[in-house]
Amino acid sequence: MTLRSAFRVNGFLVGLVLLVVGAAVLVGAIASAAAVKSGGAGMAVLSVVCWVLVALVVIAVTGLTTVGPNEAKVVQFFGRYVGSVSDPGFFWALPLTVKRRISLRVRNFETQKLKVNDFDGNPVEIAAVVVYRVVDSFKSAFAVDDYEEYVQTQSEAAVRHLATVHPYDAAPDAAAAELSPASGTAGESNRTSLRNGTEVAEELTAELRERTELAGIEILEARITHLAYAPEIAQAMLVRQQAAQVVAARSRIVDGAVGMVGMALRRLADENMVELDEERRATMVSNLLVVLCGDRAAQPVVNTGSLYS
């Protein structure tokens, strides 16, 4: 079975008809009952008919229902699904039916902070916010037991799965990878990490859409709201990240210093300012690297002699 529209009629029109008919039949029932008491035996059948019509009017009144904006009513007739009413207004559907209200409004909730191991095996805490709405009232009412609980459970499962297939950080040792590209670590910097907000949000949204389609749910957005290392390793990972940043900074300084030394030697050679043998060249390179790579200001020393005396 699939979603379909239930039979319905304008509720104001039917209500007016039932009010007029009910009032007329009720007056006739009371009048016929009085005639029977006064000895009019022929009015007994009419009295029974009038009271039966009164009962039918009362039963017909149970078909009246109100549907608010952004909500639907799932109509069941003695357990059988007969359709849904999703247009806002006052309607008359089949009498003696159960009309279950399903909200079509946009909803959102935040998952609990889940503790799970990421792709690298590091324990992390992660939570996400999910924005969704019901688009198929039939599936939401009958495909799952409780669609709200179903969405929450599937959201937590999707967040756990997402954390296990991605690392917390793309390459915490990126500086070391740059220093030794032959180790094969350099390619890891291209991995999608949990900190890549846009890519991870799109992946989480797509996975949740597949998981909740069964319940007639449309996932509008899913995004990570909390991401951190677990407390037991947070301090160690902070030290690791700081060390990686220090290595990366020193590597950049060394690269720049080597380029500047090479440029200085080429300028000296091109302009014939001074001729340097291998020993003096090595000494100049050493001095320049100390000045450029040191983390403190260098103290100038005036050499009044020479390298050979």
Protein backbone atom coordinates (compact mmCIF):
# COMPACT_ATOMS: atom_id res chain seq x y z
CA MET A 1 0.00 0.00 0.00
CA THR A 2 1.09 3.55 -0.71
CA LEU A 3 0.03 7.03 0.28
CA ARG A 4 -3.32 8.06 -1.17
CA SER A 5 -5.89 10.76 -0.61
CA ALA A 6 -8.91 9.90 1.52
CA PHE A 7 -12.49 10.69 0.51
CA ARG A 8 -13.58 13.98 2.02
CA VAL A 9 -16.31 16.60 1.66
CA ASN A 10 -16.54 20.16 2.83
CA GLY A 11 -17.17 19.93 6.55
CA PHE A 12 -19.20 23.14 6.82
CA LEU A 13 -21.70 21.97 4.20
CA VAL A 14 -22.08 18.51 5.71
CA GLY A 15 -22.27 19.96 9.22
CA LEU A 16 -25.10 22.29 8.21
CA VAL A 17 -27.01 19.43 6.55
CA LEU A 18 -26.55 17.19 9.58
CA LEU A 19 -27.67 19.97 11.90
CA VAL A 20 -30.88 20.60 9.95
CA VAL A 21 -31.66 16.92 9.42
CA GLY A 22 -30.79 16.06 13.00
CA ALA A 23 -33.02 18.79 14.40
CA ALA A 24 -35.95 17.76 12.18
CA VAL A 25 -35.58 14.07 12.93
CA LEU A 26 -35.25 14.72 16.66
CA VAL A 27 -38.45 16.81 16.69
CA GLY A 28 -40.22 14.06 14.74
CA ALA A 29 -38.96 11.39 17.13
CA ILE A 30 -40.18 13.32 20.16
CA ALA A 31 -43.56 14.01 18.53
CA SER A 32 -44.07 10.40 17.48
CA ALA A 33 -43.10 9.19 20.94
CA ALA A 34 -45.74 11.48 22.46
CA ALA A 35 -48.31 10.22 19.94
CA VAL A 36 -47.55 6.60 20.86
CA LYS A 37 -48.11 7.37 24.56
CA SER A 38 -51.44 8.99 23.80
CA GLY A 39 -52.67 5.82 22.13
CA GLY A 40 -51.56 6.25 18.53
CA ALA A 41 -50.37 2.72 17.79
CA GLY A 42 -49.65 3.60 14.16
CA MET A 43 -47.01 6.08 15.23
CA ALA A 44 -44.83 3.40 16.88
CA VAL A 45 -43.11 2.46 13.60
CA LEU A 46 -42.53 6.13 12.78
CA SER A 47 -41.03 6.70 16.21
CA VAL A 48 -38.60 3.82 15.73
CA VAL A 49 -37.59 5.12 12.30
CA CYS A 50 -37.02 8.62 13.68
CA TRP A 51 -34.81 7.38 16.52
CA VAL A 52 -32.85 5.25 14.06
CA LEU A 53 -32.29 8.35 11.91
CA VAL A 54 -31.16 10.26 15.01
CA ALA A 55 -28.58 7.53 15.68
CA LEU A 56 -27.40 7.69 12.06
CA VAL A 57 -26.97 11.47 12.32
CA VAL A 58 -24.90 11.02 15.48
CA ILE A 59 -22.75 8.43 13.71
CA ALA A 60 -22.33 10.74 10.71
CA VAL A 61 -21.10 13.51 12.98
CA THR A 62 -18.04 11.37 13.86
CA GLY A 63 -16.82 11.89 10.30
CA LEU A 64 -16.15 15.58 10.88
CA THR A 65 -12.48 16.45 11.35
CA THR A 66 -10.20 19.48 11.32
CA VAL A 67 -6.78 19.50 9.62
CA GLY A 68 -4.35 22.24 10.53
CA PRO A 69 -1.63 23.76 8.33
CA ASN A 70 1.38 21.49 7.79
CA GLU A 71 -0.30 18.43 9.23
CA ALA A 72 -2.06 15.34 7.91
CA LYS A 73 -4.75 13.01 9.20
CA VAL A 74 -4.31 9.29 8.53
CA VAL A 75 -7.80 7.75 8.25
CA GLN A 76 -8.44 4.12 9.29
CA PHE A 77 -11.75 2.34 9.01
CA PHE A 78 -11.83 -0.58 11.44
CA GLY A 79 -8.05 -1.03 11.04
CA ARG A 80 -7.97 -0.59 7.27
CA TYR A 81 -6.09 2.34 5.80
CA VAL A 82 -8.48 4.34 3.60
CA GLY A 83 -6.31 7.38 2.87
CA SER A 84 -4.83 10.57 4.26
CA VAL A 85 -6.09 14.14 4.41
CA SER A 86 -3.28 16.65 4.12
CA ASP A 87 -5.14 19.79 2.98
CA PRO A 88 -5.82 22.25 5.82
CA GLY A 89 -9.46 22.91 6.61
CA PHE A 90 -12.68 21.45 8.00
CA PHE A 91 -13.78 18.21 6.30
CA TRP A 92 -16.17 15.31 6.58
CA ALA A 93 -14.61 11.93 5.93
CA LEU A 94 -15.98 8.45 6.54
CA PRO A 95 -17.73 8.07 9.91
CA LEU A 96 -16.62 5.56 12.54
CA THR A 97 -12.99 6.02 11.45
CA VAL A 98 -9.86 6.64 13.47
CA LYS A 99 -8.03 9.76 12.37
CA ARG A 100 -4.40 9.85 13.48
CA ARG A 101 -2.64 13.20 13.37
CA ILE A 102 0.80 13.36 11.71
CA SER A 103 2.74 16.63 11.83
CA LEU A 104 4.36 17.71 8.55
CA ARG A 105 6.27 20.58 10.14
CA VAL A 106 10.06 20.82 9.98
CA ARG A 107 11.67 19.38 13.09
CA ASN A 108 15.18 19.26 14.44
CA PHE A 109 16.96 17.58 17.31
CA GLU A 110 20.52 17.11 18.51
CA THR A 111 21.92 13.68 19.16
CA GLN A 112 23.65 12.83 22.39
CA LYS A 113 27.41 13.22 22.65
CA LEU A 114 28.57 9.83 21.43
CA LYS A 115 31.97 8.35 22.28
CA VAL A 116 33.37 6.37 19.36
CA ASN A 117 36.74 5.51 17.84
CA ASP A 118 37.61 7.34 14.64
CA PHE A 119 39.29 5.83 11.58
CA ASP A 120 42.71 6.01 13.26
CA GLY A 121 41.42 4.34 16.42
CA ASN A 122 41.40 7.50 18.54
CA PRO A 123 38.40 7.87 20.89
CA VAL A 124 36.42 11.01 20.06
CA GLU A 125 33.22 12.64 21.26
CA ILE A 126 30.80 13.58 18.49
CA ALA A 127 27.26 14.92 18.21
CA ALA A 128 25.13 16.19 15.34
CA VAL A 129 21.94 18.15 14.71
CA VAL A 130 19.39 16.67 12.28
CA VAL A 131 16.66 18.66 10.50
CA TYR A 132 13.84 16.61 8.99
CA ARG A 133 10.15 16.49 8.12
CA VAL A 134 7.50 13.93 7.24
CA VAL A 135 6.67 13.69 3.54
CA ASP A 136 4.72 10.41 3.51
CA SER A 137 2.16 10.13 6.30
CA PHE A 138 1.31 6.52 5.41
CA LYS A 139 4.89 5.29 5.87
CA SER A 140 5.37 7.37 9.01
CA ALA A 141 2.23 5.91 10.56
CA PHE A 142 2.51 2.26 9.51
CA ALA A 143 6.03 1.47 8.21
CA VAL A 144 7.66 2.03 11.61
CA ASP A 145 6.41 1.85 15.17
CA ASP A 146 7.44 5.39 16.17
CA TYR A 147 8.95 7.52 13.44
CA GLU A 148 10.44 10.08 15.86
CA GLU A 149 12.30 7.42 17.81
CA TYR A 150 13.27 5.75 14.53
CA VAL A 151 14.87 8.93 13.20
CA GLN A 152 16.78 9.50 16.44
CA THR A 153 18.12 5.94 16.52
CA GLN A 154 19.13 5.98 12.87
CA SER A 155 20.78 9.37 13.31
CA GLU A 156 22.95 8.10 16.15
CA ALA A 157 23.86 5.03 14.10
CA ALA A 158 24.79 7.19 11.10
CA VAL A 159 26.93 9.50 13.24
CA ARG A 160 28.76 6.50 14.73
CA HIS A 161 29.39 5.06 11.27
CA LEU A 162 30.61 8.42 9.98
CA ALA A 163 33.11 8.71 12.82
CA THR A 164 34.54 5.26 12.17
CA VAL A 165 35.24 5.84 8.46
CA HIS A 166 36.98 9.23 8.84
CA PRO A 167 39.87 10.37 11.01
CA TYR A 168 39.48 13.24 13.45
CA ASP A 169 42.18 15.17 11.63
CA ALA A 170 43.26 14.67 8.03
CA ALA A 171 46.99 14.51 8.76
CA PRO A 172 48.16 15.30 12.29
CA ASP A 173 51.69 14.45 11.14
CA ALA A 174 51.54 16.48 7.93
CA ALA A 175 54.83 18.20 8.70
CA ALA A 176 56.60 14.88 9.15
CA ALA A 177 55.04 13.66 5.91
CA GLU A 178 56.42 16.67 4.08
CA LEU A 179 59.86 16.02 5.51
CA SER A 180 59.82 12.36 4.45
CA PRO A 181 57.49 11.96 1.45
CA ALA A 182 59.08 8.63 0.64
CA SER A 183 57.47 7.14 3.75
CA GLY A 184 54.08 7.16 2.02
CA THR A 185 52.46 9.36 4.66
CA ALA A 186 52.18 12.43 2.48
CA GLY A 187 49.12 11.11 0.66
CA GLU A 188 47.16 10.93 3.91
CA SER A 189 46.80 14.72 3.95
CA ASN A 190 44.18 14.36 1.21
CA ARG A 191 41.89 12.29 3.42
CA THR A 192 38.51 13.70 4.39
CA SER A 193 38.50 14.32 8.12
CA LEU A 194 35.65 14.91 10.53
CA ARG A 195 36.73 18.55 10.69
CA ASN A 196 35.84 19.08 7.00
CA GLY A 197 32.42 20.45 7.86
CA THR A 198 30.81 20.76 4.42
CA GLU A 199 31.93 17.39 3.03
CA VAL A 200 31.10 15.51 6.22
CA ALA A 201 27.68 17.21 6.48
CA GLU A 202 26.80 16.21 2.90
CA GLU A 203 27.89 12.62 3.52
CA LEU A 204 25.94 12.40 6.77
CA THR A 205 22.82 13.88 5.14
CA ALA A 206 22.99 11.43 2.23
CA GLU A 207 23.39 8.44 4.54
CA LEU A 208 20.50 9.53 6.76
CA ARG A 209 18.24 10.00 3.73
CA GLU A 210 18.83 6.37 2.76
CA ARG A 211 18.23 5.17 6.31
CA THR A 212 14.98 7.12 6.89
CA GLU A 213 13.36 6.78 3.47
CA LEU A 214 11.54 3.70 4.76
CA ALA A 215 9.70 5.84 7.33
CA GLY A 216 8.60 8.52 4.85
CA ILE A 217 11.07 11.04 6.27
CA GLU A 218 12.99 13.68 4.31
CA ILE A 219 16.29 14.74 5.87
CA LEU A 220 16.84 18.42 5.10
CA GLU A 221 20.20 18.81 6.80
CA ALA A 222 22.52 16.98 9.16
CA ARG A 223 25.59 18.69 10.57
CA ILE A 224 28.14 17.95 13.29
CA THR A 225 27.74 20.29 16.28
CA HIS A 226 30.28 18.82 18.69
CA LEU A 227 33.62 17.20 17.91
CA ALA A 228 36.47 16.66 20.35
CA TYR A 229 38.95 14.08 21.47
CA ALA A 230 37.89 12.00 24.46
CA PRO A 231 39.14 13.46 27.78
CA GLU A 232 41.59 10.61 28.39
CA ILE A 233 43.63 11.43 25.26
CA ALA A 234 42.81 15.10 24.75
CA GLN A 235 46.00 16.37 26.43
CA ALA A 236 48.24 13.91 24.58
CA MET A 237 46.66 14.79 21.21
CA LEU A 238 47.07 18.50 21.97
CA VAL A 239 50.79 17.98 22.55
CA ARG A 240 50.96 15.95 19.35
CA GLN A 241 49.27 18.68 17.35
CA GLN A 242 51.52 21.34 18.83
CA ALA A 243 54.60 19.28 17.99
CA ALA A 244 53.36 18.82 14.43
CA GLN A 245 52.85 22.58 14.09
CA VAL A 246 56.33 23.26 15.45
CA VAL A 247 57.87 20.80 12.99
CA ALA A 248 55.88 22.34 10.12
CA ALA A 249 57.00 25.85 11.09
CA ARG A 250 60.66 24.85 11.39
CA SER A 251 60.46 23.04 8.06
CA ARG A 252 59.14 26.17 6.37
CA ILE A 253 61.88 28.27 7.98
CA VAL A 254 64.58 25.87 6.79
CA ASP A 255 63.16 25.87 3.25
CA GLY A 256 63.20 29.66 3.21
CA ALA A 257 66.68 29.86 4.69
CA VAL A 258 68.14 27.45 2.13
CA GLY A 259 66.59 29.49 -0.67
CA MET A 260 67.97 32.74 0.72
CA VAL A 261 71.47 31.27 1.14
CA GLY A 262 71.42 29.97 -2.41
CA MET A 263 70.25 33.35 -3.69
CA ALA A 264 73.03 35.14 -1.76
CA LEU A 265 75.73 32.86 -3.13
CA ARG A 266 74.46 33.28 -6.68
CA ARG A 267 74.38 37.08 -6.34
CA LEU A 268 77.92 37.14 -5.02
CA ALA A 269 79.11 34.94 -7.87
CA ASP A 270 77.20 36.84 -10.57
CA GLU A 271 78.46 40.27 -9.45
CA ASN A 272 82.03 39.06 -8.80
CA MET A 273 82.04 40.76 -5.43
CA VAL A 274 84.18 38.12 -3.77
CA GLU A 275 85.68 34.78 -4.67
CA LEU A 276 84.95 32.02 -2.19
CA ASP A 277 86.69 28.71 -2.00
CA GLU A 278 84.90 25.64 -0.69
CA GLU A 279 85.88 26.22 2.92
CA ARG A 280 84.80 29.86 2.96
CA ARG A 281 81.62 28.99 1.12
CA ALA A 282 80.83 26.34 3.74
CA THR A 283 81.51 28.82 6.52
CA MET A 284 79.22 31.44 4.97
CA VAL A 285 76.45 28.89 4.47
CA SER A 286 76.79 27.78 8.09
CA ASN A 287 76.68 31.34 9.42
CA LEU A 288 73.71 32.31 7.27
CA LEU A 289 71.73 29.22 8.27
CA VAL A 290 72.42 29.89 11.95
CA VAL A 291 71.18 33.46 11.59
CA LEU A 292 68.12 32.61 9.51
CA CYS A 293 67.05 29.42 11.30
CA GLY A 294 67.73 30.44 14.88
CA ASP A 295 64.76 31.17 17.15
CA ARG A 296 66.66 34.04 18.80
CA ALA A 297 68.34 37.14 17.44
CA ALA A 298 71.93 36.45 16.41
CA GLN A 299 74.76 38.39 18.12
CA PRO A 300 77.09 39.88 15.50
CA VAL A 301 80.79 39.10 15.85
CA VAL A 302 83.36 41.12 13.91
CA ASN A 303 86.14 38.90 12.62
CA THR A 304 89.40 40.85 12.38
CA GLY A 305 91.47 37.90 11.29
CA SER A 306 90.99 35.29 8.60
CA LEU A 307 90.00 31.69 8.38
CA TYR A 308 93.63 30.67 7.90
CA SER A 309 95.30 32.61 10.73
